[in-house]
Amino acid sequence: MKTITLEIPDNATALDWCSEDEFPAQLRLAAAIFWYDRGLISQGKGAAIAGLSRADFIQALSQAQVNPLQVTPEDLNAELERAFDAHR
């Protein structure tokens, strides 16, 4: 596993919604949700970055109001075509 060191202002971790000890995990989760929402990473990769199970990451996506499904209409049409072709 890689370690990344970030320099942030001392007061940046003085938050009402998490402790200083919880801040790194919250930062990893926020990054994973951000990247997932933009289609840059998969659910599995997001879960790994956040240090969660895939089920817990899906729940975190829901809590962040991010759709856990990344299927575009084009992807769905292509999948349906493949299914129809395979069934013929």
PDB file of N, CA and C in Angstrom:
ATOM      1  N   MET A   1       0.846  -1.165   0.000  1.00  0.00           N
ATOM      2  CA  MET A   1       0.000   0.000   0.000  1.00  0.00           C
ATOM      3  C   MET A   1       0.894   1.230   0.000  1.00  0.00           C
ATOM      4  N   LYS A   2       0.490   2.225  -0.768  1.00  0.00           N
ATOM      5  CA  LYS A   2       1.245   3.468  -0.839  1.00  0.00           C
ATOM      6  C   LYS A   2       0.823   4.413   0.275  1.00  0.00           C
ATOM      7  N   THR A   3       1.757   5.227   0.694  1.00  0.00           N
ATOM      8  CA  THR A   3       1.482   6.254   1.686  1.00  0.00           C
ATOM      9  C   THR A   3       1.679   7.602   1.019  1.00  0.00           C
ATOM     10  N   ILE A   4       0.693   8.486   1.194  1.00  0.00           N
ATOM     11  CA  ILE A   4       0.764   9.834   0.649  1.00  0.00           C
ATOM     12  C   ILE A   4       0.725  10.797   1.835  1.00  0.00           C
ATOM     13  N   THR A   5       1.620  11.755   1.830  1.00  0.00           N
ATOM     14  CA  THR A   5       1.653  12.755   2.888  1.00  0.00           C
ATOM     15  C   THR A   5       1.113  14.063   2.331  1.00  0.00           C
ATOM     16  N   LEU A   6       0.139  14.632   3.030  1.00  0.00           N
ATOM     17  CA  LEU A   6      -0.442  15.915   2.639  1.00  0.00           C
ATOM     18  C   LEU A   6      -0.148  16.941   3.709  1.00  0.00           C
ATOM     19  N   GLU A   7       0.203  18.124   3.288  1.00  0.00           N
ATOM     20  CA  GLU A   7       0.372  19.224   4.223  1.00  0.00           C
ATOM     21  C   GLU A   7      -0.886  20.072   4.156  1.00  0.00           C
ATOM     22  N   ILE A   8      -1.551  20.213   5.299  1.00  0.00           N
ATOM     23  CA  ILE A   8      -2.758  21.027   5.372  1.00  0.00           C
ATOM     24  C   ILE A   8      -2.634  21.964   6.569  1.00  0.00           C
ATOM     25  N   PRO A   9      -3.326  23.086   6.529  1.00  0.00           N
ATOM     26  CA  PRO A   9      -3.251  24.020   7.658  1.00  0.00           C
ATOM     27  C   PRO A   9      -3.687  23.339   8.957  1.00  0.00           C
ATOM     28  N   ASP A  10      -3.097  23.757  10.062  1.00  0.00           N
ATOM     29  CA  ASP A  10      -3.409  23.166  11.364  1.00  0.00           C
ATOM     30  C   ASP A  10      -4.892  23.228  11.698  1.00  0.00           C
ATOM     31  N   ASN A  11      -5.551  24.311  11.314  1.00  0.00           N
ATOM     32  CA  ASN A  11      -6.965  24.455  11.661  1.00  0.00           C
ATOM     33  C   ASN A  11      -7.908  23.719  10.698  1.00  0.00           C
ATOM     34  N   ALA A  12      -7.368  23.101   9.661  1.00  0.00           N
ATOM     35  CA  ALA A  12      -8.218  22.407   8.692  1.00  0.00           C
ATOM     36  C   ALA A  12      -8.873  21.163   9.277  1.00  0.00           C
ATOM     37  N   THR A  13      -8.309  20.609  10.315  1.00  0.00           N
ATOM     38  CA  THR A  13      -8.893  19.421  10.928  1.00  0.00           C
ATOM     39  C   THR A  13      -9.751  19.759  12.137  1.00  0.00           C
ATOM     40  N   ALA A  14      -9.929  21.031  12.414  1.00  0.00           N
ATOM     41  CA  ALA A  14     -10.796  21.454  13.527  1.00  0.00           C
ATOM     42  C   ALA A  14     -12.229  21.503  13.004  1.00  0.00           C
ATOM     43  N   LEU A  15     -12.826  20.328  12.889  1.00  0.00           N
ATOM     44  CA  LEU A  15     -14.147  20.201  12.289  1.00  0.00           C
ATOM     45  C   LEU A  15     -15.166  19.749  13.325  1.00  0.00           C
ATOM     46  N   ASP A  16     -16.400  20.186  13.147  1.00  0.00           N
ATOM     47  CA  ASP A  16     -17.473  19.787  14.058  1.00  0.00           C
ATOM     48  C   ASP A  16     -17.968  18.374  13.781  1.00  0.00           C
ATOM     49  N   TRP A  17     -17.806  17.883  12.549  1.00  0.00           N
ATOM     50  CA  TRP A  17     -18.419  16.620  12.154  1.00  0.00           C
ATOM     51  C   TRP A  17     -17.486  15.419  12.241  1.00  0.00           C
ATOM     52  N   CYS A  18     -16.213  15.630  12.511  1.00  0.00           N
ATOM     53  CA  CYS A  18     -15.323  14.482  12.743  1.00  0.00           C
ATOM     54  C   CYS A  18     -14.135  14.925  13.575  1.00  0.00           C
ATOM     55  N   SER A  19     -13.541  13.950  14.234  1.00  0.00           N
ATOM     56  CA  SER A  19     -12.373  14.239  15.066  1.00  0.00           C
ATOM     57  C   SER A  19     -11.120  14.291  14.198  1.00  0.00           C
ATOM     58  N   GLU A  20     -10.041  14.790  14.777  1.00  0.00           N
ATOM     59  CA  GLU A  20      -8.770  14.835  14.054  1.00  0.00           C
ATOM     60  C   GLU A  20      -8.309  13.427  13.685  1.00  0.00           C
ATOM     61  N   ASP A  21      -8.582  12.449  14.549  1.00  0.00           N
ATOM     62  CA  ASP A  21      -8.203  11.069  14.264  1.00  0.00           C
ATOM     63  C   ASP A  21      -9.015  10.479  13.108  1.00  0.00           C
ATOM     64  N   GLU A  22     -10.272  10.913  12.968  1.00  0.00           N
ATOM     65  CA  GLU A  22     -11.137  10.401  11.895  1.00  0.00           C
ATOM     66  C   GLU A  22     -10.897  11.110  10.566  1.00  0.00           C
ATOM     67  N   PHE A  23     -10.216  12.252  10.595  1.00  0.00           N
ATOM     68  CA  PHE A  23     -10.056  13.079   9.405  1.00  0.00           C
ATOM     69  C   PHE A  23      -9.409  12.343   8.224  1.00  0.00           C
ATOM     70  N   PRO A  24      -8.316  11.596   8.403  1.00  0.00           N
ATOM     71  CA  PRO A  24      -7.721  10.903   7.251  1.00  0.00           C
ATOM     72  C   PRO A  24      -8.701   9.939   6.561  1.00  0.00           C
ATOM     73  N   ALA A  25      -9.469   9.195   7.345  1.00  0.00           N
ATOM     74  CA  ALA A  25     -10.443   8.273   6.751  1.00  0.00           C
ATOM     75  C   ALA A  25     -11.530   9.041   6.013  1.00  0.00           C
ATOM     76  N   GLN A  26     -11.977  10.159   6.583  1.00  0.00           N
ATOM     77  CA  GLN A  26     -12.985  10.974   5.920  1.00  0.00           C
ATOM     78  C   GLN A  26     -12.447  11.582   4.621  1.00  0.00           C
ATOM     79  N   LEU A  27     -11.192  11.956   4.624  1.00  0.00           N
ATOM     80  CA  LEU A  27     -10.553  12.501   3.430  1.00  0.00           C
ATOM     81  C   LEU A  27     -10.454  11.445   2.333  1.00  0.00           C
ATOM     82  N   ARG A  28     -10.055  10.218   2.709  1.00  0.00           N
ATOM     83  CA  ARG A  28      -9.994   9.129   1.730  1.00  0.00           C
ATOM     84  C   ARG A  28     -11.378   8.829   1.159  1.00  0.00           C
ATOM     85  N   LEU A  29     -12.399   8.808   2.025  1.00  0.00           N
ATOM     86  CA  LEU A  29     -13.761   8.548   1.574  1.00  0.00           C
ATOM     87  C   LEU A  29     -14.229   9.647   0.625  1.00  0.00           C
ATOM     88  N   ALA A  30     -13.966  10.902   0.977  1.00  0.00           N
ATOM     89  CA  ALA A  30     -14.384  12.015   0.121  1.00  0.00           C
ATOM     90  C   ALA A  30     -13.724  11.929  -1.254  1.00  0.00           C
ATOM     91  N   ALA A  31     -12.455  11.600  -1.283  1.00  0.00           N
ATOM     92  CA  ALA A  31     -11.750  11.471  -2.557  1.00  0.00           C
ATOM     93  C   ALA A  31     -12.340  10.326  -3.373  1.00  0.00           C
ATOM     94  N   ALA A  32     -12.593   9.192  -2.733  1.00  0.00           N
ATOM     95  CA  ALA A  32     -13.144   8.035  -3.444  1.00  0.00           C
ATOM     96  C   ALA A  32     -14.523   8.353  -4.014  1.00  0.00           C
ATOM     97  N   ILE A  33     -15.360   9.009  -3.235  1.00  0.00           N
ATOM     98  CA  ILE A  33     -16.698   9.381  -3.725  1.00  0.00           C
ATOM     99  C   ILE A  33     -16.574  10.362  -4.885  1.00  0.00           C
ATOM    100  N   PHE A  34     -15.716  11.343  -4.766  1.00  0.00           N
ATOM    101  CA  PHE A  34     -15.510  12.341  -5.821  1.00  0.00           C
ATOM    102  C   PHE A  34     -15.085  11.663  -7.124  1.00  0.00           C
ATOM    103  N   TRP A  35     -14.073  10.805  -7.048  1.00  0.00           N
ATOM    104  CA  TRP A  35     -13.560  10.145  -8.247  1.00  0.00           C
ATOM    105  C   TRP A  35     -14.581   9.174  -8.834  1.00  0.00           C
ATOM    106  N   TYR A  36     -15.298   8.465  -7.960  1.00  0.00           N
ATOM    107  CA  TYR A  36     -16.329   7.543  -8.442  1.00  0.00           C
ATOM    108  C   TYR A  36     -17.432   8.308  -9.158  1.00  0.00           C
ATOM    109  N   ASP A  37     -17.873   9.411  -8.582  1.00  0.00           N
ATOM    110  CA  ASP A  37     -18.952  10.206  -9.157  1.00  0.00           C
ATOM    111  C   ASP A  37     -18.587  10.712 -10.549  1.00  0.00           C
ATOM    112  N   ARG A  38     -17.324  10.930 -10.807  1.00  0.00           N
ATOM    113  CA  ARG A  38     -16.866  11.408 -12.106  1.00  0.00           C
ATOM    114  C   ARG A  38     -16.519  10.270 -13.069  1.00  0.00           C
ATOM    115  N   GLY A  39     -16.735   9.027 -12.619  1.00  0.00           N
ATOM    116  CA  GLY A  39     -16.491   7.876 -13.483  1.00  0.00           C
ATOM    117  C   GLY A  39     -15.030   7.526 -13.650  1.00  0.00           C
ATOM    118  N   LEU A  40     -14.185   8.004 -12.754  1.00  0.00           N
ATOM    119  CA  LEU A  40     -12.749   7.761 -12.873  1.00  0.00           C
ATOM    120  C   LEU A  40     -12.313   6.448 -12.246  1.00  0.00           C
ATOM    121  N   ILE A  41     -13.096   5.939 -11.286  1.00  0.00           N
ATOM    122  CA  ILE A  41     -12.759   4.685 -10.612  1.00  0.00           C
ATOM    123  C   ILE A  41     -14.018   3.839 -10.463  1.00  0.00           C
ATOM    124  N   SER A  42     -13.812   2.561 -10.240  1.00  0.00           N
ATOM    125  CA  SER A  42     -14.910   1.621 -10.031  1.00  0.00           C
ATOM    126  C   SER A  42     -15.338   1.614  -8.566  1.00  0.00           C
ATOM    127  N   GLN A  43     -16.450   0.943  -8.296  1.00  0.00           N
ATOM    128  CA  GLN A  43     -16.882   0.779  -6.899  1.00  0.00           C
ATOM    129  C   GLN A  43     -15.825   0.053  -6.090  1.00  0.00           C
ATOM    130  N   GLY A  44     -15.250  -0.993  -6.667  1.00  0.00           N
ATOM    131  CA  GLY A  44     -14.229  -1.763  -5.955  1.00  0.00           C
ATOM    132  C   GLY A  44     -13.018  -0.924  -5.614  1.00  0.00           C
ATOM    133  N   LYS A  45     -12.558  -0.124  -6.583  1.00  0.00           N
ATOM    134  CA  LYS A  45     -11.408   0.751  -6.346  1.00  0.00           C
ATOM    135  C   LYS A  45     -11.771   1.821  -5.319  1.00  0.00           C
ATOM    136  N   GLY A  46     -12.974   2.365  -5.413  1.00  0.00           N
ATOM    137  CA  GLY A  46     -13.425   3.367  -4.443  1.00  0.00           C
ATOM    138  C   GLY A  46     -13.462   2.803  -3.040  1.00  0.00           C
ATOM    139  N   ALA A  47     -13.986   1.592  -2.926  1.00  0.00           N
ATOM    140  CA  ALA A  47     -14.043   0.942  -1.614  1.00  0.00           C
ATOM    141  C   ALA A  47     -12.642   0.734  -1.055  1.00  0.00           C
ATOM    142  N   ALA A  48     -11.724   0.309  -1.911  1.00  0.00           N
ATOM    143  CA  ALA A  48     -10.340   0.085  -1.462  1.00  0.00           C
ATOM    144  C   ALA A  48      -9.697   1.392  -1.008  1.00  0.00           C
ATOM    145  N   ILE A  49      -9.885   2.451  -1.773  1.00  0.00           N
ATOM    146  CA  ILE A  49      -9.308   3.745  -1.395  1.00  0.00           C
ATOM    147  C   ILE A  49      -9.880   4.214  -0.067  1.00  0.00           C
ATOM    148  N   ALA A  50     -11.195   4.033   0.108  1.00  0.00           N
ATOM    149  CA  ALA A  50     -11.862   4.481   1.329  1.00  0.00           C
ATOM    150  C   ALA A  50     -11.618   3.548   2.506  1.00  0.00           C
ATOM    151  N   GLY A  51     -11.094   2.353   2.249  1.00  0.00           N
ATOM    152  CA  GLY A  51     -10.878   1.391   3.326  1.00  0.00           C
ATOM    153  C   GLY A  51     -12.171   0.765   3.808  1.00  0.00           C
ATOM    154  N   LEU A  52     -13.125   0.596   2.881  1.00  0.00           N
ATOM    155  CA  LEU A  52     -14.437   0.037   3.208  1.00  0.00           C
ATOM    156  C   LEU A  52     -14.698  -1.213   2.394  1.00  0.00           C
ATOM    157  N   SER A  53     -15.686  -1.977   2.820  1.00  0.00           N
ATOM    158  CA  SER A  53     -16.171  -3.055   1.965  1.00  0.00           C
ATOM    159  C   SER A  53     -16.948  -2.406   0.824  1.00  0.00           C
ATOM    160  N   ARG A  54     -17.181  -3.137  -0.237  1.00  0.00           N
ATOM    161  CA  ARG A  54     -17.939  -2.584  -1.357  1.00  0.00           C
ATOM    162  C   ARG A  54     -19.346  -2.203  -0.916  1.00  0.00           C
ATOM    163  N   ALA A  55     -19.970  -3.035  -0.084  1.00  0.00           N
ATOM    164  CA  ALA A  55     -21.318  -2.737   0.412  1.00  0.00           C
ATOM    165  C   ALA A  55     -21.322  -1.442   1.221  1.00  0.00           C
ATOM    166  N   ASP A  56     -20.321  -1.249   2.070  1.00  0.00           N
ATOM    167  CA  ASP A  56     -20.241  -0.019   2.869  1.00  0.00           C
ATOM    168  C   ASP A  56     -19.965   1.197   1.983  1.00  0.00           C
ATOM    169  N   PHE A  57     -19.173   0.993   0.921  1.00  0.00           N
ATOM    170  CA  PHE A  57     -18.913   2.104   0.007  1.00  0.00           C
ATOM    171  C   PHE A  57     -20.192   2.491  -0.737  1.00  0.00           C
ATOM    172  N   ILE A  58     -20.976   1.508  -1.159  1.00  0.00           N
ATOM    173  CA  ILE A  58     -22.259   1.796  -1.811  1.00  0.00           C
ATOM    174  C   ILE A  58     -23.166   2.571  -0.860  1.00  0.00           C
ATOM    175  N   GLN A  59     -23.173   2.196   0.401  1.00  0.00           N
ATOM    176  CA  GLN A  59     -23.976   2.912   1.391  1.00  0.00           C
ATOM    177  C   GLN A  59     -23.460   4.352   1.547  1.00  0.00           C
ATOM    178  N   ALA A  60     -22.148   4.529   1.551  1.00  0.00           N
ATOM    179  CA  ALA A  60     -21.572   5.869   1.651  1.00  0.00           C
ATOM    180  C   ALA A  60     -21.930   6.702   0.424  1.00  0.00           C
ATOM    181  N   LEU A  61     -21.945   6.083  -0.756  1.00  0.00           N
ATOM    182  CA  LEU A  61     -22.370   6.790  -1.965  1.00  0.00           C
ATOM    183  C   LEU A  61     -23.800   7.272  -1.816  1.00  0.00           C
ATOM    184  N   SER A  62     -24.652   6.406  -1.311  1.00  0.00           N
ATOM    185  CA  SER A  62     -26.055   6.765  -1.113  1.00  0.00           C
ATOM    186  C   SER A  62     -26.183   7.926  -0.128  1.00  0.00           C
ATOM    187  N   GLN A  63     -25.441   7.874   0.961  1.00  0.00           N
ATOM    188  CA  GLN A  63     -25.490   8.945   1.955  1.00  0.00           C
ATOM    189  C   GLN A  63     -24.989  10.269   1.373  1.00  0.00           C
ATOM    190  N   ALA A  64     -24.065  10.187   0.413  1.00  0.00           N
ATOM    191  CA  ALA A  64     -23.535  11.378  -0.240  1.00  0.00           C
ATOM    192  C   ALA A  64     -24.392  11.792  -1.439  1.00  0.00           C
ATOM    193  N   GLN A  65     -25.487  11.083  -1.644  1.00  0.00           N
ATOM    194  CA  GLN A  65     -26.414  11.331  -2.751  1.00  0.00           C
ATOM    195  C   GLN A  65     -25.729  11.193  -4.109  1.00  0.00           C
ATOM    196  N   VAL A  66     -24.874  10.172  -4.210  1.00  0.00           N
ATOM    197  CA  VAL A  66     -24.202   9.828  -5.461  1.00  0.00           C
ATOM    198  C   VAL A  66     -24.774   8.506  -5.934  1.00  0.00           C
ATOM    199  N   ASN A  67     -25.230   8.471  -7.172  1.00  0.00           N
ATOM    200  CA  ASN A  67     -25.817   7.265  -7.733  1.00  0.00           C
ATOM    201  C   ASN A  67     -24.761   6.164  -7.808  1.00  0.00           C
ATOM    202  N   PRO A  68     -25.014   5.001  -7.203  1.00  0.00           N
ATOM    203  CA  PRO A  68     -24.021   3.929  -7.246  1.00  0.00           C
ATOM    204  C   PRO A  68     -23.934   3.230  -8.607  1.00  0.00           C
ATOM    205  N   LEU A  69     -24.853   3.531  -9.514  1.00  0.00           N
ATOM    206  CA  LEU A  69     -24.837   2.920 -10.845  1.00  0.00           C
ATOM    207  C   LEU A  69     -24.205   3.882 -11.836  1.00  0.00           C
ATOM    208  N   GLN A  70     -23.185   3.407 -12.528  1.00  0.00           N
ATOM    209  CA  GLN A  70     -22.483   4.236 -13.509  1.00  0.00           C
ATOM    210  C   GLN A  70     -22.750   3.741 -14.923  1.00  0.00           C
ATOM    211  N   VAL A  71     -23.972   3.462 -15.250  1.00  0.00           N
ATOM    212  CA  VAL A  71     -24.312   2.961 -16.567  1.00  0.00           C
ATOM    213  C   VAL A  71     -24.861   4.112 -17.401  1.00  0.00           C
ATOM    214  N   THR A  72     -24.207   4.377 -18.522  1.00  0.00           N
ATOM    215  CA  THR A  72     -24.704   5.407 -19.429  1.00  0.00           C
ATOM    216  C   THR A  72     -25.768   4.782 -20.324  1.00  0.00           C
ATOM    217  N   PRO A  73     -26.617   5.586 -20.931  1.00  0.00           N
ATOM    218  CA  PRO A  73     -27.597   5.026 -21.873  1.00  0.00           C
ATOM    219  C   PRO A  73     -26.930   4.230 -22.996  1.00  0.00           C
ATOM    220  N   GLU A  74     -25.777   4.693 -23.446  1.00  0.00           N
ATOM    221  CA  GLU A  74     -25.054   3.979 -24.506  1.00  0.00           C
ATOM    222  C   GLU A  74     -24.587   2.602 -24.020  1.00  0.00           C
ATOM    223  N   ASP A  75     -24.061   2.556 -22.787  1.00  0.00           N
ATOM    224  CA  ASP A  75     -23.631   1.273 -22.214  1.00  0.00           C
ATOM    225  C   ASP A  75     -24.809   0.318 -22.086  1.00  0.00           C
ATOM    226  N   LEU A  76     -25.932   0.838 -21.639  1.00  0.00           N
ATOM    227  CA  LEU A  76     -27.122   0.007 -21.472  1.00  0.00           C
ATOM    228  C   LEU A  76     -27.613  -0.523 -22.812  1.00  0.00           C
ATOM    229  N   ASN A  77     -27.648   0.319 -23.832  1.00  0.00           N
ATOM    230  CA  ASN A  77     -28.055  -0.136 -25.169  1.00  0.00           C
ATOM    231  C   ASN A  77     -27.117  -1.212 -25.700  1.00  0.00           C
ATOM    232  N   ALA A  78     -25.815  -1.020 -25.517  1.00  0.00           N
ATOM    233  CA  ALA A  78     -24.835  -2.013 -25.981  1.00  0.00           C
ATOM    234  C   ALA A  78     -25.026  -3.335 -25.246  1.00  0.00           C
ATOM    235  N   GLU A  79     -25.269  -3.274 -23.943  1.00  0.00           N
ATOM    236  CA  GLU A  79     -25.493  -4.493 -23.158  1.00  0.00           C
ATOM    237  C   GLU A  79     -26.759  -5.201 -23.607  1.00  0.00           C
ATOM    238  N   LEU A  80     -27.810  -4.449 -23.870  1.00  0.00           N
ATOM    239  CA  LEU A  80     -29.055  -5.051 -24.356  1.00  0.00           C
ATOM    240  C   LEU A  80     -28.860  -5.694 -25.725  1.00  0.00           C
ATOM    241  N   GLU A  81     -28.115  -5.043 -26.596  1.00  0.00           N
ATOM    242  CA  GLU A  81     -27.834  -5.630 -27.916  1.00  0.00           C
ATOM    243  C   GLU A  81     -27.071  -6.945 -27.774  1.00  0.00           C
ATOM    244  N   ARG A  82     -26.075  -6.968 -26.896  1.00  0.00           N
ATOM    245  CA  ARG A  82     -25.308  -8.203 -26.678  1.00  0.00           C
ATOM    246  C   ARG A  82     -26.211  -9.310 -26.140  1.00  0.00           C
ATOM    247  N   ALA A  83     -27.106  -8.955 -25.242  1.00  0.00           N
ATOM    248  CA  ALA A  83     -28.017  -9.947 -24.663  1.00  0.00           C
ATOM    249  C   ALA A  83     -28.973 -10.486 -25.719  1.00  0.00           C
ATOM    250  N   PHE A  84     -29.508  -9.581 -26.548  1.00  0.00           N
ATOM    251  CA  PHE A  84     -30.407 -10.030 -27.616  1.00  0.00           C
ATOM    252  C   PHE A  84     -29.677 -10.921 -28.617  1.00  0.00           C
ATOM    253  N   ASP A  85     -28.447 -10.530 -28.983  1.00  0.00           N
ATOM    254  CA  ASP A  85     -27.658 -11.327 -29.927  1.00  0.00           C
ATOM    255  C   ASP A  85     -27.357 -12.702 -29.357  1.00  0.00           C
ATOM    256  N   ALA A  86     -27.032 -12.769 -28.079  1.00  0.00           N
ATOM    257  CA  ALA A  86     -26.697 -14.040 -27.448  1.00  0.00           C
ATOM    258  C   ALA A  86     -27.931 -14.929 -27.346  1.00  0.00           C
ATOM    259  N   HIS A  87     -29.065 -14.329 -27.222  1.00  0.00           N
ATOM    260  CA  HIS A  87     -30.298 -15.097 -27.061  1.00  0.00           C
ATOM    261  C   HIS A  87     -30.841 -15.616 -28.383  1.00  0.00           C
ATOM    262  N   ARG A  88     -30.444 -15.026 -29.478  1.00  0.00           N
ATOM    263  CA  ARG A  88     -30.924 -15.443 -30.818  1.00  0.00           C
ATOM    264  C   ARG A  88     -30.304 -16.712 -31.252  1.00  0.00           C
TER     265      ARG A  88
END
